[in-house]
Amino acid sequence: MGKTLRTKMLYQDKDWLTQKYVKEKLSTVEIAKAYREEQDKWCDPNTISRWLKKHNIVMRTLAEAQQNRHSVPTTTKKVRSSN
């Protein structure tokens, strides 16, 4: 008794969350959306936050989150040579 028959959800996987949140720097909203697209199942951003905390994954500060949101990916520009 006491055992659950629930299957483990992808967002409960520490490695998957670390990849999305730490390495890819996605927000909890973006991670929930990615989960919904991959699994075709509903997920709330608050659920993602709860699992980040359960896995002791340090959450970004508001300032860090805003900086990530407004950062523009850098691209290399070709410089024309004047001949």
N, C-alpha and C. Protein backbone atom coordinates (compact mmCIF):
# COMPACT_ATOMS: atom_id res chain seq x y z
N MET A 1 0.83 -1.18 0.00
CA MET A 1 0.00 0.00 0.00
C MET A 1 0.87 1.24 0.00
N GLY A 2 0.26 2.34 -0.43
CA GLY A 2 0.98 3.60 -0.44
C GLY A 2 1.76 3.87 -1.71
N LYS A 3 1.86 2.87 -2.58
CA LYS A 3 2.57 3.09 -3.83
C LYS A 3 1.61 3.71 -4.83
N THR A 4 2.13 4.59 -5.64
CA THR A 4 1.31 5.26 -6.64
C THR A 4 1.50 4.59 -7.99
N LEU A 5 0.46 4.57 -8.77
CA LEU A 5 0.54 3.98 -10.11
C LEU A 5 0.78 5.03 -11.18
N ARG A 6 0.98 6.26 -10.78
CA ARG A 6 1.21 7.34 -11.74
C ARG A 6 2.54 7.16 -12.44
N THR A 7 2.55 7.52 -13.70
CA THR A 7 3.81 7.50 -14.44
C THR A 7 4.52 8.83 -14.23
N LYS A 8 5.81 8.79 -14.27
CA LYS A 8 6.61 9.99 -14.09
C LYS A 8 6.49 10.88 -15.32
N MET A 9 6.18 12.13 -15.10
CA MET A 9 6.05 13.10 -16.19
C MET A 9 7.44 13.63 -16.56
N LEU A 10 7.60 14.02 -17.80
CA LEU A 10 8.88 14.51 -18.28
C LEU A 10 9.36 15.71 -17.47
N TYR A 11 8.45 16.62 -17.10
CA TYR A 11 8.85 17.80 -16.34
C TYR A 11 9.33 17.45 -14.93
N GLN A 12 9.12 16.22 -14.49
CA GLN A 12 9.60 15.79 -13.18
C GLN A 12 11.04 15.28 -13.24
N ASP A 13 11.58 15.14 -14.44
CA ASP A 13 12.93 14.63 -14.63
C ASP A 13 13.95 15.75 -14.41
N LYS A 14 14.85 15.55 -13.46
CA LYS A 14 15.82 16.58 -13.11
C LYS A 14 16.74 16.93 -14.28
N ASP A 15 17.19 15.92 -15.01
CA ASP A 15 18.09 16.19 -16.14
C ASP A 15 17.40 17.00 -17.23
N TRP A 16 16.14 16.67 -17.52
CA TRP A 16 15.39 17.40 -18.54
C TRP A 16 15.18 18.85 -18.12
N LEU A 17 14.80 19.05 -16.85
CA LEU A 17 14.59 20.41 -16.35
C LEU A 17 15.89 21.21 -16.35
N THR A 18 16.99 20.57 -15.95
CA THR A 18 18.28 21.25 -15.94
C THR A 18 18.67 21.68 -17.36
N GLN A 19 18.44 20.80 -18.31
CA GLN A 19 18.75 21.12 -19.71
C GLN A 19 17.95 22.34 -20.17
N LYS A 20 16.66 22.33 -19.91
CA LYS A 20 15.79 23.41 -20.38
C LYS A 20 16.02 24.71 -19.62
N TYR A 21 16.10 24.64 -18.29
CA TYR A 21 16.15 25.86 -17.47
C TYR A 21 17.55 26.43 -17.36
N VAL A 22 18.54 25.58 -17.11
CA VAL A 22 19.90 26.07 -16.85
C VAL A 22 20.68 26.23 -18.16
N LYS A 23 20.70 25.19 -18.96
CA LYS A 23 21.53 25.22 -20.17
C LYS A 23 20.90 26.02 -21.30
N GLU A 24 19.60 25.81 -21.56
CA GLU A 24 18.93 26.53 -22.64
C GLU A 24 18.38 27.88 -22.18
N LYS A 25 18.37 28.09 -20.86
CA LYS A 25 17.91 29.34 -20.25
C LYS A 25 16.48 29.70 -20.63
N LEU A 26 15.63 28.67 -20.71
CA LEU A 26 14.21 28.92 -20.97
C LEU A 26 13.52 29.33 -19.67
N SER A 27 12.47 30.11 -19.79
CA SER A 27 11.67 30.49 -18.62
C SER A 27 10.73 29.34 -18.27
N THR A 28 10.09 29.44 -17.12
CA THR A 28 9.14 28.40 -16.73
C THR A 28 7.96 28.37 -17.71
N VAL A 29 7.58 29.52 -18.22
CA VAL A 29 6.49 29.60 -19.21
C VAL A 29 6.92 28.88 -20.49
N GLU A 30 8.15 29.13 -20.94
CA GLU A 30 8.65 28.49 -22.16
C GLU A 30 8.82 26.98 -21.97
N ILE A 31 9.23 26.56 -20.78
CA ILE A 31 9.39 25.13 -20.52
C ILE A 31 8.02 24.45 -20.52
N ALA A 32 7.02 25.07 -19.90
CA ALA A 32 5.67 24.50 -19.89
C ALA A 32 5.14 24.38 -21.32
N LYS A 33 5.40 25.39 -22.12
CA LYS A 33 4.96 25.36 -23.52
C LYS A 33 5.69 24.25 -24.29
N ALA A 34 6.98 24.12 -24.08
CA ALA A 34 7.76 23.06 -24.74
C ALA A 34 7.23 21.68 -24.34
N TYR A 35 6.91 21.54 -23.07
CA TYR A 35 6.36 20.26 -22.58
C TYR A 35 5.03 19.97 -23.27
N ARG A 36 4.17 20.99 -23.34
CA ARG A 36 2.87 20.79 -23.99
C ARG A 36 3.03 20.38 -25.45
N GLU A 37 4.00 21.00 -26.13
CA GLU A 37 4.22 20.67 -27.55
C GLU A 37 4.82 19.28 -27.72
N GLU A 38 5.74 18.90 -26.85
CA GLU A 38 6.40 17.59 -26.95
C GLU A 38 5.46 16.45 -26.56
N GLN A 39 4.71 16.64 -25.48
CA GLN A 39 3.93 15.56 -24.91
C GLN A 39 2.44 15.63 -25.23
N ASP A 40 2.00 16.75 -25.79
CA ASP A 40 0.59 16.97 -26.08
C ASP A 40 -0.26 16.81 -24.82
N LYS A 41 0.28 17.32 -23.70
CA LYS A 41 -0.41 17.29 -22.41
C LYS A 41 -0.27 18.66 -21.76
N TRP A 42 -1.24 19.03 -20.96
CA TRP A 42 -1.22 20.33 -20.30
C TRP A 42 -0.17 20.37 -19.20
N CYS A 43 0.48 21.53 -19.06
CA CYS A 43 1.41 21.77 -17.97
C CYS A 43 1.39 23.26 -17.64
N ASP A 44 1.32 23.58 -16.39
CA ASP A 44 1.28 24.96 -15.94
C ASP A 44 2.70 25.42 -15.55
N PRO A 45 3.06 26.67 -15.83
CA PRO A 45 4.38 27.17 -15.43
C PRO A 45 4.65 27.04 -13.93
N ASN A 46 3.60 27.13 -13.11
CA ASN A 46 3.78 26.97 -11.66
C ASN A 46 4.22 25.55 -11.32
N THR A 47 3.78 24.58 -12.10
CA THR A 47 4.21 23.19 -11.90
C THR A 47 5.70 23.07 -12.17
N ILE A 48 6.16 23.75 -13.22
CA ILE A 48 7.59 23.74 -13.54
C ILE A 48 8.38 24.36 -12.39
N SER A 49 7.91 25.48 -11.87
CA SER A 49 8.58 26.13 -10.73
C SER A 49 8.66 25.19 -9.53
N ARG A 50 7.57 24.50 -9.25
CA ARG A 50 7.53 23.59 -8.11
C ARG A 50 8.57 22.47 -8.27
N TRP A 51 8.71 21.93 -9.49
CA TRP A 51 9.68 20.85 -9.71
C TRP A 51 11.12 21.37 -9.72
N LEU A 52 11.32 22.60 -10.16
CA LEU A 52 12.67 23.19 -10.06
C LEU A 52 13.08 23.25 -8.58
N LYS A 53 12.16 23.69 -7.74
CA LYS A 53 12.44 23.78 -6.30
C LYS A 53 12.66 22.40 -5.69
N LYS A 54 11.85 21.41 -6.09
CA LYS A 54 11.99 20.05 -5.56
C LYS A 54 13.35 19.46 -5.89
N HIS A 55 13.88 19.82 -7.05
CA HIS A 55 15.18 19.30 -7.49
C HIS A 55 16.34 20.22 -7.06
N ASN A 56 16.04 21.24 -6.26
CA ASN A 56 17.06 22.18 -5.78
C ASN A 56 17.80 22.86 -6.93
N ILE A 57 17.09 23.14 -8.00
CA ILE A 57 17.66 23.90 -9.12
C ILE A 57 17.41 25.37 -8.79
N VAL A 58 18.49 26.12 -8.67
CA VAL A 58 18.38 27.52 -8.24
C VAL A 58 17.65 28.32 -9.31
N MET A 59 16.61 29.00 -8.87
CA MET A 59 15.82 29.80 -9.79
C MET A 59 16.48 31.16 -9.99
N ARG A 60 16.30 31.68 -11.20
CA ARG A 60 16.88 32.98 -11.53
C ARG A 60 16.14 34.09 -10.77
N THR A 61 16.87 35.17 -10.53
CA THR A 61 16.23 36.35 -9.94
C THR A 61 15.39 37.01 -11.02
N LEU A 62 14.54 37.92 -10.61
CA LEU A 62 13.71 38.66 -11.55
C LEU A 62 14.58 39.43 -12.55
N ALA A 63 15.66 40.01 -12.04
CA ALA A 63 16.57 40.77 -12.92
C ALA A 63 17.21 39.86 -13.97
N GLU A 64 17.64 38.67 -13.55
CA GLU A 64 18.24 37.72 -14.50
C GLU A 64 17.21 37.27 -15.54
N ALA A 65 16.00 37.02 -15.09
CA ALA A 65 14.94 36.57 -15.99
C ALA A 65 14.64 37.65 -17.02
N GLN A 66 14.56 38.90 -16.57
CA GLN A 66 14.28 40.00 -17.49
C GLN A 66 15.44 40.21 -18.46
N GLN A 67 16.65 40.02 -17.99
CA GLN A 67 17.82 40.16 -18.86
C GLN A 67 17.79 39.09 -19.95
N ASN A 68 17.46 37.86 -19.58
CA ASN A 68 17.36 36.78 -20.57
C ASN A 68 16.26 37.06 -21.57
N ARG A 69 15.15 37.59 -21.11
CA ARG A 69 14.01 37.84 -21.98
C ARG A 69 14.32 38.90 -23.03
N HIS A 70 15.14 39.88 -22.64
CA HIS A 70 15.42 40.99 -23.54
C HIS A 70 16.74 40.86 -24.28
N SER A 71 17.45 39.78 -24.04
CA SER A 71 18.74 39.63 -24.73
C SER A 71 18.49 39.25 -26.19
N VAL A 72 19.33 39.78 -27.05
CA VAL A 72 19.23 39.52 -28.48
C VAL A 72 20.35 38.58 -28.85
N PRO A 73 20.05 37.49 -29.56
CA PRO A 73 21.12 36.59 -29.96
C PRO A 73 22.13 37.32 -30.84
N THR A 74 23.39 37.07 -30.56
CA THR A 74 24.43 37.75 -31.32
C THR A 74 24.64 37.03 -32.64
N THR A 75 24.83 37.81 -33.67
CA THR A 75 25.13 37.25 -34.98
C THR A 75 26.40 37.89 -35.49
N THR A 76 27.11 37.17 -36.29
CA THR A 76 28.34 37.73 -36.84
C THR A 76 28.00 38.49 -38.11
N LYS A 77 28.56 39.67 -38.20
CA LYS A 77 28.32 40.51 -39.36
C LYS A 77 29.53 40.45 -40.28
N LYS A 78 29.25 40.44 -41.55
CA LYS A 78 30.33 40.49 -42.52
C LYS A 78 30.69 41.94 -42.76
N VAL A 79 31.97 42.19 -42.74
CA VAL A 79 32.44 43.55 -42.96
C VAL A 79 32.93 43.63 -44.39
N ARG A 80 32.41 44.62 -45.10
CA ARG A 80 32.84 44.82 -46.48
C ARG A 80 34.20 45.47 -46.53
N SER A 81 35.02 44.96 -47.37
CA SER A 81 36.32 45.60 -47.53
C SER A 81 36.21 46.65 -48.63
N SER A 82 36.81 47.78 -48.42
CA SER A 82 36.74 48.84 -49.43
C SER A 82 37.99 48.77 -50.29
N ASN A 83 37.88 48.16 -51.44
CA ASN A 83 39.00 48.05 -52.40
C ASN A 83 38.84 48.99 -53.54
